[in-house]
Structure formats: structure tokens, C-alpha cells
Amino acid sequence: MARNVLSWDVALRNGFKPHLYTYAFDAIPLGECEAMLDFKIWAKKIMAVGCYFTHAATEQKFQLTVYCSGTGLYRIKDCPIDFTECPVGRLYKVKVIADQKKKIVFKGAELV
């Protein structure tokens, strides 16, 4: 598979609207849910991929971040999905938790 993560400028030129996707703590669905992965954008200041999802049941748009591991892969711990190559426009079951400091943690994902 080839990498399919967009730069910020390319995403905007292609009509994507990342500003519609929240990363606010109170707006991210916690627990497990099904969500469409709409597009992905490289982070600017850190080695990470911003994943832009739409909740299947509520159509709430939200963003989750996958950080580069020490091995150079963009994966969630114990998850086989490489977020630089995984398909967009597909439904995923995502798992999100809040840690003790009320920080959103992307814990898991799998294609539905």
C-alpha cells in the first residue's frame, strides 16, 4: 500500500474542511463507536497523523491523532493498522478513552 496522508494545503485544495472536526475533550466520543475515516493530514510540528472521523450514529465530526512510534510507524499500541496507509472513506470501530489528566487517548481501531 502507498501512503495516503495529505499535507494541510493539499487537503484544503481537495475540498476537505478540517476546521469542522473538533478535538475538544467534551466533544470526542469516549468508549467504542463506529466512525468513517474521512481523510488524514500530516501534523505540522510533531511526527503524527491527524485522522478526521465522522461518528456513524451522530455524524459528529472529530479528530484523533496517531503519533509516530519509536520504530517509525504510525500505529496505536497493540493495533496493526498503519495510519499512513490505511484506507479512507471506510468505516472503523474506534476506541477512545480519557486518561487521568482528562487527555484524549486513541486506544484502538479496526476496519468494520
N, C-alpha and C. Protein backbone atom coordinates (compact mmCIF):
# COMPACT_ATOMS: atom_id res chain seq x y z
N MET A 1 0.83 -1.19 0.00
CA MET A 1 0.00 0.00 0.00
C MET A 1 0.88 1.26 0.00
N ALA A 2 0.34 2.32 -0.52
CA ALA A 2 1.06 3.59 -0.56
C ALA A 2 0.51 4.52 0.52
N ARG A 3 1.35 5.43 0.94
CA ARG A 3 0.90 6.41 1.92
C ARG A 3 -0.17 7.30 1.30
N ASN A 4 -1.19 7.58 2.08
CA ASN A 4 -2.29 8.41 1.59
C ASN A 4 -2.66 9.52 2.58
N VAL A 5 -1.65 10.05 3.24
CA VAL A 5 -1.84 11.16 4.17
C VAL A 5 -1.57 12.45 3.39
N LEU A 6 -2.42 13.42 3.58
CA LEU A 6 -2.32 14.68 2.84
C LEU A 6 -1.57 15.74 3.64
N SER A 7 -1.00 16.68 2.94
CA SER A 7 -0.50 17.88 3.61
C SER A 7 -1.70 18.79 3.85
N TRP A 8 -1.53 19.77 4.72
CA TRP A 8 -2.62 20.71 5.03
C TRP A 8 -3.12 21.39 3.75
N ASP A 9 -2.19 21.91 2.94
CA ASP A 9 -2.56 22.65 1.74
C ASP A 9 -3.28 21.76 0.73
N VAL A 10 -2.80 20.55 0.54
CA VAL A 10 -3.45 19.64 -0.41
C VAL A 10 -4.85 19.27 0.08
N ALA A 11 -5.00 19.04 1.36
CA ALA A 11 -6.32 18.72 1.90
C ALA A 11 -7.32 19.85 1.63
N LEU A 12 -6.89 21.08 1.87
CA LEU A 12 -7.78 22.23 1.61
C LEU A 12 -8.10 22.37 0.12
N ARG A 13 -7.09 22.18 -0.72
CA ARG A 13 -7.32 22.27 -2.17
C ARG A 13 -8.28 21.19 -2.66
N ASN A 14 -8.26 20.04 -1.99
CA ASN A 14 -9.16 18.94 -2.37
C ASN A 14 -10.55 19.08 -1.76
N GLY A 15 -10.81 20.17 -1.07
CA GLY A 15 -12.15 20.44 -0.56
C GLY A 15 -12.43 19.94 0.85
N PHE A 16 -11.43 19.39 1.52
CA PHE A 16 -11.64 18.94 2.89
C PHE A 16 -11.67 20.16 3.82
N LYS A 17 -12.43 20.04 4.90
CA LYS A 17 -12.61 21.15 5.83
C LYS A 17 -12.25 20.72 7.25
N PRO A 18 -10.95 20.66 7.54
CA PRO A 18 -10.53 20.20 8.86
C PRO A 18 -11.06 21.04 10.01
N HIS A 19 -11.39 22.29 9.77
CA HIS A 19 -11.90 23.15 10.84
C HIS A 19 -13.26 22.68 11.37
N LEU A 20 -13.96 21.81 10.64
CA LEU A 20 -15.24 21.29 11.09
C LEU A 20 -15.09 20.12 12.07
N TYR A 21 -13.88 19.64 12.25
CA TYR A 21 -13.61 18.45 13.07
C TYR A 21 -13.02 18.89 14.41
N THR A 22 -13.72 18.60 15.48
CA THR A 22 -13.30 19.03 16.81
C THR A 22 -12.26 18.08 17.40
N TYR A 23 -11.43 18.63 18.26
CA TYR A 23 -10.56 17.82 19.09
C TYR A 23 -10.77 18.19 20.56
N ALA A 24 -11.85 18.92 20.82
CA ALA A 24 -12.19 19.34 22.18
C ALA A 24 -12.57 18.13 23.03
N PHE A 25 -12.07 18.09 24.24
CA PHE A 25 -12.29 16.96 25.14
C PHE A 25 -13.77 16.58 25.26
N ASP A 26 -14.62 17.56 25.49
CA ASP A 26 -16.04 17.27 25.74
C ASP A 26 -16.80 16.81 24.50
N ALA A 27 -16.22 16.96 23.32
CA ALA A 27 -16.94 16.62 22.09
C ALA A 27 -16.48 15.31 21.45
N ILE A 28 -15.42 14.72 21.95
CA ILE A 28 -14.93 13.45 21.40
C ILE A 28 -15.71 12.31 22.03
N PRO A 29 -16.25 11.39 21.23
CA PRO A 29 -17.00 10.27 21.81
C PRO A 29 -16.05 9.30 22.51
N LEU A 30 -16.29 9.07 23.79
CA LEU A 30 -15.47 8.13 24.56
C LEU A 30 -16.04 6.73 24.46
N GLY A 31 -15.19 5.74 24.64
CA GLY A 31 -15.60 4.35 24.52
C GLY A 31 -15.41 3.88 23.09
N GLU A 32 -16.20 2.92 22.67
CA GLU A 32 -16.12 2.40 21.31
C GLU A 32 -17.27 2.93 20.48
N CYS A 33 -16.97 3.24 19.23
CA CYS A 33 -18.02 3.65 18.30
C CYS A 33 -17.55 3.36 16.89
N GLU A 34 -18.50 3.34 15.97
CA GLU A 34 -18.16 3.22 14.56
C GLU A 34 -18.08 4.61 13.97
N ALA A 35 -17.02 4.83 13.19
CA ALA A 35 -16.81 6.15 12.60
C ALA A 35 -16.14 6.00 11.24
N MET A 36 -16.52 6.88 10.33
CA MET A 36 -15.93 6.92 8.99
C MET A 36 -14.65 7.73 9.04
N LEU A 37 -13.57 7.17 8.52
CA LEU A 37 -12.31 7.91 8.40
C LEU A 37 -12.40 8.71 7.11
N ASP A 38 -12.61 10.02 7.22
CA ASP A 38 -12.83 10.87 6.06
C ASP A 38 -11.54 11.23 5.33
N PHE A 39 -10.50 11.59 6.08
CA PHE A 39 -9.21 11.95 5.48
C PHE A 39 -8.18 12.02 6.59
N LYS A 40 -6.90 12.14 6.18
CA LYS A 40 -5.79 12.21 7.12
C LYS A 40 -4.84 13.32 6.68
N ILE A 41 -4.27 14.02 7.67
CA ILE A 41 -3.34 15.12 7.39
C ILE A 41 -2.10 14.95 8.28
N TRP A 42 -0.92 15.19 7.68
CA TRP A 42 0.31 15.18 8.46
C TRP A 42 0.29 16.33 9.46
N ALA A 43 0.71 16.07 10.68
CA ALA A 43 0.85 17.13 11.67
C ALA A 43 2.02 18.03 11.28
N LYS A 44 1.95 19.29 11.66
CA LYS A 44 3.00 20.24 11.26
C LYS A 44 4.19 20.24 12.20
N LYS A 45 3.98 20.19 13.50
CA LYS A 45 5.07 20.41 14.45
C LYS A 45 5.55 19.14 15.14
N ILE A 46 4.84 18.05 14.99
CA ILE A 46 5.24 16.79 15.62
C ILE A 46 5.12 15.68 14.59
N MET A 47 5.72 14.55 14.88
CA MET A 47 5.62 13.40 13.98
C MET A 47 4.33 12.65 14.30
N ALA A 48 3.27 13.02 13.59
CA ALA A 48 1.96 12.45 13.85
C ALA A 48 1.07 12.61 12.62
N VAL A 49 -0.01 11.84 12.63
CA VAL A 49 -1.04 11.91 11.59
C VAL A 49 -2.35 12.28 12.26
N GLY A 50 -2.98 13.35 11.79
CA GLY A 50 -4.31 13.72 12.25
C GLY A 50 -5.34 12.94 11.45
N CYS A 51 -6.18 12.18 12.15
CA CYS A 51 -7.21 11.36 11.50
C CYS A 51 -8.56 12.03 11.73
N TYR A 52 -9.27 12.29 10.67
CA TYR A 52 -10.53 13.05 10.71
C TYR A 52 -11.69 12.09 10.48
N PHE A 53 -12.48 11.91 11.54
CA PHE A 53 -13.56 10.92 11.56
C PHE A 53 -14.93 11.60 11.63
N THR A 54 -15.95 10.87 11.12
CA THR A 54 -17.35 11.24 11.33
C THR A 54 -18.03 10.08 12.03
N HIS A 55 -18.58 10.35 13.23
CA HIS A 55 -19.29 9.34 14.02
C HIS A 55 -20.47 8.82 13.21
N ALA A 56 -20.58 7.52 13.04
CA ALA A 56 -21.61 6.93 12.19
C ALA A 56 -23.02 7.19 12.70
N ALA A 57 -23.23 7.14 14.00
CA ALA A 57 -24.57 7.29 14.56
C ALA A 57 -25.02 8.74 14.68
N THR A 58 -24.09 9.64 15.00
CA THR A 58 -24.48 11.02 15.29
C THR A 58 -24.00 12.03 14.25
N GLU A 59 -23.11 11.61 13.37
CA GLU A 59 -22.49 12.47 12.35
C GLU A 59 -21.62 13.57 12.96
N GLN A 60 -21.28 13.44 14.25
CA GLN A 60 -20.34 14.37 14.89
C GLN A 60 -18.96 14.18 14.25
N LYS A 61 -18.33 15.26 13.89
CA LYS A 61 -17.00 15.21 13.28
C LYS A 61 -15.96 15.44 14.36
N PHE A 62 -14.93 14.59 14.38
CA PHE A 62 -13.90 14.72 15.40
C PHE A 62 -12.55 14.27 14.84
N GLN A 63 -11.51 14.73 15.52
CA GLN A 63 -10.15 14.42 15.10
C GLN A 63 -9.44 13.64 16.19
N LEU A 64 -8.70 12.60 15.76
CA LEU A 64 -7.84 11.84 16.66
C LEU A 64 -6.44 11.82 16.06
N THR A 65 -5.45 11.77 16.93
CA THR A 65 -4.07 11.82 16.47
C THR A 65 -3.36 10.50 16.72
N VAL A 66 -2.60 10.07 15.71
CA VAL A 66 -1.76 8.89 15.83
C VAL A 66 -0.32 9.36 15.76
N TYR A 67 0.45 9.05 16.79
CA TYR A 67 1.83 9.51 16.87
C TYR A 67 2.78 8.47 16.29
N CYS A 68 3.92 8.94 15.84
CA CYS A 68 4.96 8.07 15.32
C CYS A 68 5.59 7.31 16.48
N SER A 69 5.68 5.99 16.32
CA SER A 69 6.31 5.19 17.36
C SER A 69 7.82 5.25 17.20
N GLY A 70 8.52 4.68 18.14
CA GLY A 70 9.97 4.64 18.07
C GLY A 70 10.50 3.87 16.88
N THR A 71 9.65 3.05 16.27
CA THR A 71 10.06 2.26 15.11
C THR A 71 9.79 2.98 13.80
N GLY A 72 9.26 4.20 13.87
CA GLY A 72 8.97 4.95 12.66
C GLY A 72 7.61 4.66 12.06
N LEU A 73 6.82 3.86 12.74
CA LEU A 73 5.48 3.53 12.26
C LEU A 73 4.44 4.40 12.96
N TYR A 74 3.36 4.66 12.28
CA TYR A 74 2.27 5.47 12.81
C TYR A 74 1.14 4.52 13.18
N ARG A 75 1.29 3.91 14.34
CA ARG A 75 0.34 2.92 14.82
C ARG A 75 0.00 3.19 16.28
N ILE A 76 -1.19 2.76 16.64
CA ILE A 76 -1.61 2.77 18.04
C ILE A 76 -1.03 1.51 18.66
N LYS A 77 -0.61 1.60 19.91
CA LYS A 77 -0.05 0.43 20.59
C LYS A 77 -1.00 -0.76 20.50
N ASP A 78 -0.46 -1.91 20.13
CA ASP A 78 -1.20 -3.17 20.01
C ASP A 78 -2.26 -3.15 18.91
N CYS A 79 -2.13 -2.26 17.95
CA CYS A 79 -3.06 -2.18 16.82
C CYS A 79 -2.23 -2.35 15.54
N PRO A 80 -2.64 -3.25 14.64
CA PRO A 80 -1.85 -3.50 13.44
C PRO A 80 -2.00 -2.46 12.33
N ILE A 81 -2.92 -1.52 12.47
CA ILE A 81 -3.19 -0.56 11.40
C ILE A 81 -2.08 0.48 11.31
N ASP A 82 -1.52 0.65 10.12
CA ASP A 82 -0.56 1.72 9.85
C ASP A 82 -1.38 2.89 9.31
N PHE A 83 -1.46 3.96 10.07
CA PHE A 83 -2.32 5.08 9.70
C PHE A 83 -1.76 5.95 8.60
N THR A 84 -0.58 5.63 8.09
CA THR A 84 -0.09 6.34 6.90
C THR A 84 -0.61 5.68 5.64
N GLU A 85 -1.10 4.44 5.74
CA GLU A 85 -1.54 3.70 4.56
C GLU A 85 -2.97 3.20 4.62
N CYS A 86 -3.59 3.22 5.77
CA CYS A 86 -4.94 2.63 5.89
C CYS A 86 -5.93 3.39 5.01
N PRO A 87 -6.97 2.69 4.55
CA PRO A 87 -7.92 3.32 3.64
C PRO A 87 -8.78 4.41 4.30
N VAL A 88 -9.07 5.44 3.53
CA VAL A 88 -10.03 6.47 3.95
C VAL A 88 -11.36 6.16 3.25
N GLY A 89 -12.41 6.82 3.74
CA GLY A 89 -13.73 6.55 3.18
C GLY A 89 -14.27 5.21 3.61
N ARG A 90 -13.74 4.68 4.70
CA ARG A 90 -14.16 3.38 5.23
C ARG A 90 -14.57 3.54 6.68
N LEU A 91 -15.40 2.62 7.12
CA LEU A 91 -15.90 2.62 8.49
C LEU A 91 -14.92 1.86 9.39
N TYR A 92 -14.62 2.46 10.54
CA TYR A 92 -13.74 1.85 11.54
C TYR A 92 -14.48 1.77 12.87
N LYS A 93 -14.15 0.78 13.66
CA LYS A 93 -14.57 0.77 15.05
C LYS A 93 -13.39 1.36 15.81
N VAL A 94 -13.61 2.50 16.44
CA VAL A 94 -12.54 3.18 17.17
C VAL A 94 -12.81 3.12 18.66
N LYS A 95 -11.72 3.09 19.43
CA LYS A 95 -11.82 3.10 20.89
C LYS A 95 -11.04 4.30 21.40
N VAL A 96 -11.72 5.12 22.20
CA VAL A 96 -11.14 6.34 22.73
C VAL A 96 -11.40 6.38 24.24
N ILE A 97 -10.37 6.73 24.99
CA ILE A 97 -10.52 6.88 26.44
C ILE A 97 -10.00 8.25 26.85
N ALA A 98 -10.31 8.61 28.09
CA ALA A 98 -9.73 9.81 28.70
C ALA A 98 -8.80 9.33 29.81
N ASP A 99 -7.57 9.83 29.81
CA ASP A 99 -6.65 9.43 30.86
C ASP A 99 -6.93 10.23 32.13
N GLN A 100 -6.11 10.01 33.15
CA GLN A 100 -6.34 10.66 34.45
C GLN A 100 -6.24 12.18 34.38
N LYS A 101 -5.54 12.69 33.37
CA LYS A 101 -5.39 14.15 33.23
C LYS A 101 -6.42 14.74 32.27
N LYS A 102 -7.45 13.94 31.96
CA LYS A 102 -8.51 14.35 31.02
C LYS A 102 -7.93 14.67 29.64
N LYS A 103 -7.03 13.83 29.22
CA LYS A 103 -6.46 13.93 27.88
C LYS A 103 -7.03 12.78 27.06
N ILE A 104 -7.43 13.09 25.83
CA ILE A 104 -7.98 12.08 24.93
C ILE A 104 -6.87 11.14 24.48
N VAL A 105 -7.15 9.84 24.55
CA VAL A 105 -6.18 8.83 24.13
C VAL A 105 -6.87 7.91 23.11
N PHE A 106 -6.32 7.84 21.91
CA PHE A 106 -6.80 6.96 20.84
C PHE A 106 -6.23 5.58 21.14
N LYS A 107 -7.08 4.66 21.61
CA LYS A 107 -6.60 3.36 22.11
C LYS A 107 -6.69 2.23 21.10
N GLY A 108 -7.56 2.33 20.10
CA GLY A 108 -7.68 1.21 19.18
C GLY A 108 -8.54 1.54 17.98
N ALA A 109 -8.34 0.74 16.95
CA ALA A 109 -9.13 0.89 15.73
C ALA A 109 -9.09 -0.41 14.94
N GLU A 110 -10.17 -0.69 14.27
CA GLU A 110 -10.21 -1.81 13.33
C GLU A 110 -11.23 -1.51 12.25
N LEU A 111 -10.95 -2.00 11.05
CA LEU A 111 -11.90 -1.84 9.96
C LEU A 111 -13.16 -2.62 10.25
N VAL A 112 -14.30 -2.07 9.93
CA VAL A 112 -15.58 -2.75 10.12
C VAL A 112 -15.90 -3.52 8.86
